Amino acid sequence: MAKRSQLARNTKRTKLAAKFAAKRAELKAAGDYEGLQNLPRNASPVRIKNRCAISGRSRGYLRAFGLSRIQFRELAREGKVPGVKKASW
């Protein structure tokens, strides 16, 4: 499990990016790069880190499922991930 501070920081960045998304798009369309620099750093969507929905792990993240590789493997083995089954040949 990731540290709670890291999870909280990431959720804060997500909310801030959503709040300033329209303003960022407007400034980018106008070509006002000085105005973009005046926005908070965490308002940029690039600073948001993909994290596992269950464990909060940042490495080994599978974008299609929103889970880390470890959680994905456990859930797939239990049959809880739709459309995924164990390969056997």
N, C-alpha and C. Protein backbone atom coordinates (compact mmCIF):
# COMPACT_ATOMS: atom_id res chain seq x y z
N MET A 1 0.85 -1.19 0.00
CA MET A 1 0.00 0.00 0.00
C MET A 1 0.89 1.24 0.00
N ALA A 2 0.55 2.17 -0.84
CA ALA A 2 1.30 3.42 -0.92
C ALA A 2 1.03 4.28 0.31
N LYS A 3 1.95 5.21 0.55
CA LYS A 3 1.76 6.11 1.69
C LYS A 3 0.53 6.96 1.46
N ARG A 4 -0.19 7.22 2.52
CA ARG A 4 -1.42 8.02 2.41
C ARG A 4 -1.13 9.43 1.90
N SER A 5 0.04 9.96 2.23
CA SER A 5 0.39 11.30 1.79
C SER A 5 0.53 11.35 0.27
N GLN A 6 1.09 10.29 -0.31
CA GLN A 6 1.24 10.24 -1.77
C GLN A 6 -0.11 10.13 -2.46
N LEU A 7 -1.00 9.32 -1.89
CA LEU A 7 -2.34 9.17 -2.45
C LEU A 7 -3.11 10.48 -2.36
N ALA A 8 -2.99 11.16 -1.22
CA ALA A 8 -3.69 12.44 -1.03
C ALA A 8 -3.15 13.50 -1.99
N ARG A 9 -1.85 13.51 -2.18
CA ARG A 9 -1.23 14.47 -3.08
C ARG A 9 -1.71 14.26 -4.52
N ASN A 10 -1.83 12.98 -4.89
CA ASN A 10 -2.27 12.67 -6.25
C ASN A 10 -3.75 13.04 -6.46
N THR A 11 -4.59 12.81 -5.47
CA THR A 11 -6.00 13.19 -5.60
C THR A 11 -6.14 14.72 -5.66
N LYS A 12 -5.30 15.41 -4.91
CA LYS A 12 -5.31 16.87 -4.93
C LYS A 12 -4.94 17.38 -6.33
N ARG A 13 -3.92 16.75 -6.93
CA ARG A 13 -3.51 17.12 -8.28
C ARG A 13 -4.62 16.85 -9.29
N THR A 14 -5.33 15.74 -9.12
CA THR A 14 -6.41 15.39 -10.04
C THR A 14 -7.53 16.42 -9.98
N LYS A 15 -7.90 16.81 -8.77
CA LYS A 15 -8.95 17.81 -8.60
C LYS A 15 -8.54 19.16 -9.18
N LEU A 16 -7.29 19.55 -8.94
CA LEU A 16 -6.79 20.83 -9.42
C LEU A 16 -6.71 20.85 -10.95
N ALA A 17 -6.31 19.74 -11.54
CA ALA A 17 -6.23 19.65 -13.00
C ALA A 17 -7.62 19.76 -13.61
N ALA A 18 -8.61 19.14 -12.96
CA ALA A 18 -9.98 19.21 -13.47
C ALA A 18 -10.54 20.64 -13.34
N LYS A 19 -10.17 21.30 -12.25
CA LYS A 19 -10.65 22.65 -12.00
C LYS A 19 -10.14 23.64 -13.06
N PHE A 20 -8.87 23.50 -13.44
CA PHE A 20 -8.25 24.44 -14.36
C PHE A 20 -8.22 23.95 -15.80
N ALA A 21 -8.88 22.85 -16.12
CA ALA A 21 -8.81 22.28 -17.47
C ALA A 21 -9.33 23.24 -18.53
N ALA A 22 -10.47 23.86 -18.26
CA ALA A 22 -11.05 24.79 -19.24
C ALA A 22 -10.16 26.01 -19.44
N LYS A 23 -9.65 26.54 -18.35
CA LYS A 23 -8.80 27.73 -18.43
C LYS A 23 -7.50 27.42 -19.17
N ARG A 24 -6.93 26.23 -18.92
CA ARG A 24 -5.70 25.81 -19.61
C ARG A 24 -5.94 25.70 -21.11
N ALA A 25 -7.07 25.09 -21.47
CA ALA A 25 -7.39 24.93 -22.89
C ALA A 25 -7.57 26.28 -23.57
N GLU A 26 -8.21 27.20 -22.87
CA GLU A 26 -8.43 28.55 -23.40
C GLU A 26 -7.11 29.28 -23.61
N LEU A 27 -6.22 29.21 -22.62
CA LEU A 27 -4.93 29.88 -22.72
C LEU A 27 -4.06 29.24 -23.81
N LYS A 28 -4.12 27.92 -23.93
CA LYS A 28 -3.34 27.24 -24.96
C LYS A 28 -3.82 27.62 -26.36
N ALA A 29 -5.14 27.71 -26.53
CA ALA A 29 -5.69 28.07 -27.83
C ALA A 29 -5.30 29.49 -28.22
N ALA A 30 -5.23 30.37 -27.22
CA ALA A 30 -4.85 31.76 -27.48
C ALA A 30 -3.34 31.92 -27.66
N GLY A 31 -2.58 30.90 -27.26
CA GLY A 31 -1.11 30.98 -27.36
C GLY A 31 -0.49 31.81 -26.26
N ASP A 32 -1.21 31.98 -25.16
CA ASP A 32 -0.73 32.79 -24.02
C ASP A 32 0.06 31.90 -23.06
N TYR A 33 1.35 31.71 -23.37
CA TYR A 33 2.17 30.82 -22.55
C TYR A 33 2.59 31.47 -21.23
N GLU A 34 2.61 32.78 -21.17
CA GLU A 34 2.90 33.45 -19.90
C GLU A 34 1.74 33.26 -18.93
N GLY A 35 0.52 33.28 -19.46
CA GLY A 35 -0.66 33.03 -18.64
C GLY A 35 -0.67 31.60 -18.11
N LEU A 36 -0.20 30.67 -18.92
CA LEU A 36 -0.12 29.27 -18.49
C LEU A 36 0.87 29.11 -17.34
N GLN A 37 1.96 29.88 -17.40
CA GLN A 37 2.97 29.79 -16.34
C GLN A 37 2.45 30.33 -15.01
N ASN A 38 1.45 31.19 -15.05
CA ASN A 38 0.90 31.76 -13.83
C ASN A 38 -0.06 30.81 -13.12
N LEU A 39 -0.50 29.76 -13.82
CA LEU A 39 -1.38 28.77 -13.19
C LEU A 39 -0.56 27.93 -12.22
N PRO A 40 -1.23 27.29 -11.24
CA PRO A 40 -0.50 26.43 -10.31
C PRO A 40 0.17 25.26 -11.05
N ARG A 41 1.31 24.84 -10.56
CA ARG A 41 2.03 23.73 -11.19
C ARG A 41 1.20 22.46 -11.24
N ASN A 42 0.50 22.17 -10.15
CA ASN A 42 -0.26 20.94 -10.07
C ASN A 42 -1.54 20.98 -10.90
N ALA A 43 -1.81 22.09 -11.58
CA ALA A 43 -2.97 22.17 -12.45
C ALA A 43 -2.70 21.49 -13.79
N SER A 44 -1.46 21.14 -14.04
CA SER A 44 -1.10 20.46 -15.28
C SER A 44 -1.43 18.97 -15.19
N PRO A 45 -2.14 18.42 -16.18
CA PRO A 45 -2.49 17.00 -16.11
C PRO A 45 -1.29 16.07 -16.23
N VAL A 46 -0.15 16.58 -16.68
CA VAL A 46 1.05 15.77 -16.81
C VAL A 46 1.57 15.34 -15.44
N ARG A 47 1.29 16.12 -14.42
CA ARG A 47 1.81 15.83 -13.09
C ARG A 47 1.01 14.77 -12.34
N ILE A 48 -0.11 14.33 -12.92
CA ILE A 48 -0.91 13.29 -12.27
C ILE A 48 -0.26 11.94 -12.53
N LYS A 49 -0.10 11.15 -11.47
CA LYS A 49 0.54 9.84 -11.57
C LYS A 49 -0.53 8.76 -11.61
N ASN A 50 -0.40 7.84 -12.56
CA ASN A 50 -1.32 6.71 -12.61
C ASN A 50 -1.04 5.79 -11.43
N ARG A 51 -2.09 5.47 -10.68
CA ARG A 51 -1.94 4.61 -9.51
C ARG A 51 -3.02 3.54 -9.50
N CYS A 52 -2.69 2.42 -8.90
CA CYS A 52 -3.63 1.31 -8.77
C CYS A 52 -4.82 1.75 -7.93
N ALA A 53 -6.03 1.36 -8.37
CA ALA A 53 -7.25 1.75 -7.66
C ALA A 53 -7.35 1.06 -6.30
N ILE A 54 -6.75 -0.09 -6.14
CA ILE A 54 -6.88 -0.85 -4.89
C ILE A 54 -5.72 -0.57 -3.95
N SER A 55 -4.48 -0.76 -4.43
CA SER A 55 -3.32 -0.66 -3.54
C SER A 55 -2.63 0.70 -3.58
N GLY A 56 -2.84 1.47 -4.64
CA GLY A 56 -2.17 2.76 -4.75
C GLY A 56 -0.77 2.65 -5.33
N ARG A 57 -0.39 1.46 -5.75
CA ARG A 57 0.94 1.24 -6.31
C ARG A 57 1.08 2.00 -7.63
N SER A 58 2.25 2.64 -7.82
CA SER A 58 2.44 3.45 -9.02
C SER A 58 3.18 2.69 -10.12
N ARG A 59 3.96 1.72 -9.75
CA ARG A 59 4.72 0.96 -10.76
C ARG A 59 3.95 -0.28 -11.17
N GLY A 60 4.15 -0.70 -12.41
CA GLY A 60 3.46 -1.87 -12.91
C GLY A 60 1.98 -1.62 -13.10
N TYR A 61 1.63 -0.41 -13.51
CA TYR A 61 0.23 0.00 -13.67
C TYR A 61 -0.27 -0.42 -15.04
N LEU A 62 -1.42 -1.10 -15.10
CA LEU A 62 -2.04 -1.49 -16.35
C LEU A 62 -3.16 -0.51 -16.66
N ARG A 63 -2.96 0.30 -17.68
CA ARG A 63 -3.87 1.39 -18.00
C ARG A 63 -5.28 0.90 -18.35
N ALA A 64 -5.36 -0.22 -19.05
CA ALA A 64 -6.66 -0.73 -19.49
C ALA A 64 -7.56 -1.14 -18.34
N PHE A 65 -6.96 -1.53 -17.22
CA PHE A 65 -7.73 -2.01 -16.08
C PHE A 65 -7.67 -1.09 -14.87
N GLY A 66 -6.73 -0.17 -14.84
CA GLY A 66 -6.60 0.75 -13.71
C GLY A 66 -6.06 0.08 -12.46
N LEU A 67 -5.33 -1.02 -12.66
CA LEU A 67 -4.79 -1.79 -11.54
C LEU A 67 -3.30 -2.01 -11.73
N SER A 68 -2.62 -2.33 -10.62
CA SER A 68 -1.23 -2.73 -10.73
C SER A 68 -1.18 -4.18 -11.19
N ARG A 69 -0.03 -4.61 -11.66
CA ARG A 69 0.11 -5.96 -12.18
C ARG A 69 -0.19 -7.02 -11.13
N ILE A 70 0.13 -6.71 -9.89
CA ILE A 70 -0.07 -7.67 -8.81
C ILE A 70 -1.56 -7.84 -8.51
N GLN A 71 -2.27 -6.73 -8.36
CA GLN A 71 -3.70 -6.78 -8.10
C GLN A 71 -4.45 -7.38 -9.29
N PHE A 72 -4.00 -7.04 -10.50
CA PHE A 72 -4.64 -7.60 -11.69
C PHE A 72 -4.52 -9.11 -11.70
N ARG A 73 -3.35 -9.61 -11.38
CA ARG A 73 -3.11 -11.05 -11.40
C ARG A 73 -3.99 -11.77 -10.38
N GLU A 74 -4.09 -11.19 -9.18
CA GLU A 74 -4.92 -11.81 -8.14
C GLU A 74 -6.39 -11.82 -8.53
N LEU A 75 -6.89 -10.69 -9.02
CA LEU A 75 -8.29 -10.60 -9.40
C LEU A 75 -8.61 -11.46 -10.62
N ALA A 76 -7.68 -11.54 -11.57
CA ALA A 76 -7.91 -12.36 -12.76
C ALA A 76 -7.92 -13.84 -12.38
N ARG A 77 -7.08 -14.22 -11.46
CA ARG A 77 -7.03 -15.62 -11.02
C ARG A 77 -8.33 -16.02 -10.32
N GLU A 78 -8.93 -15.07 -9.61
CA GLU A 78 -10.20 -15.33 -8.93
C GLU A 78 -11.39 -15.21 -9.87
N GLY A 79 -11.15 -14.75 -11.11
CA GLY A 79 -12.23 -14.61 -12.08
C GLY A 79 -13.06 -13.35 -11.90
N LYS A 80 -12.50 -12.33 -11.28
CA LYS A 80 -13.24 -11.10 -10.99
C LYS A 80 -13.02 -10.00 -12.03
N VAL A 81 -12.14 -10.25 -13.01
CA VAL A 81 -11.92 -9.29 -14.08
C VAL A 81 -12.64 -9.81 -15.31
N PRO A 82 -13.67 -9.10 -15.79
CA PRO A 82 -14.44 -9.60 -16.93
C PRO A 82 -13.60 -9.70 -18.20
N GLY A 83 -13.79 -10.79 -18.92
CA GLY A 83 -13.11 -10.99 -20.19
C GLY A 83 -11.70 -11.51 -20.09
N VAL A 84 -11.24 -11.80 -18.88
CA VAL A 84 -9.87 -12.29 -18.69
C VAL A 84 -9.94 -13.66 -18.05
N LYS A 85 -9.22 -14.62 -18.66
CA LYS A 85 -9.12 -15.94 -18.04
C LYS A 85 -7.70 -16.45 -18.19
N LYS A 86 -7.36 -17.41 -17.38
CA LYS A 86 -6.02 -17.95 -17.35
C LYS A 86 -5.73 -18.69 -18.65
N ALA A 87 -4.57 -18.40 -19.21
CA ALA A 87 -4.19 -19.07 -20.45
C ALA A 87 -3.67 -20.47 -20.13
N SER A 88 -4.02 -21.39 -21.01
CA SER A 88 -3.48 -22.74 -20.86
C SER A 88 -3.37 -23.37 -22.24
N TRP A 89 -2.28 -24.02 -22.46
CA TRP A 89 -2.13 -24.70 -23.73
C TRP A 89 -1.49 -26.03 -23.61
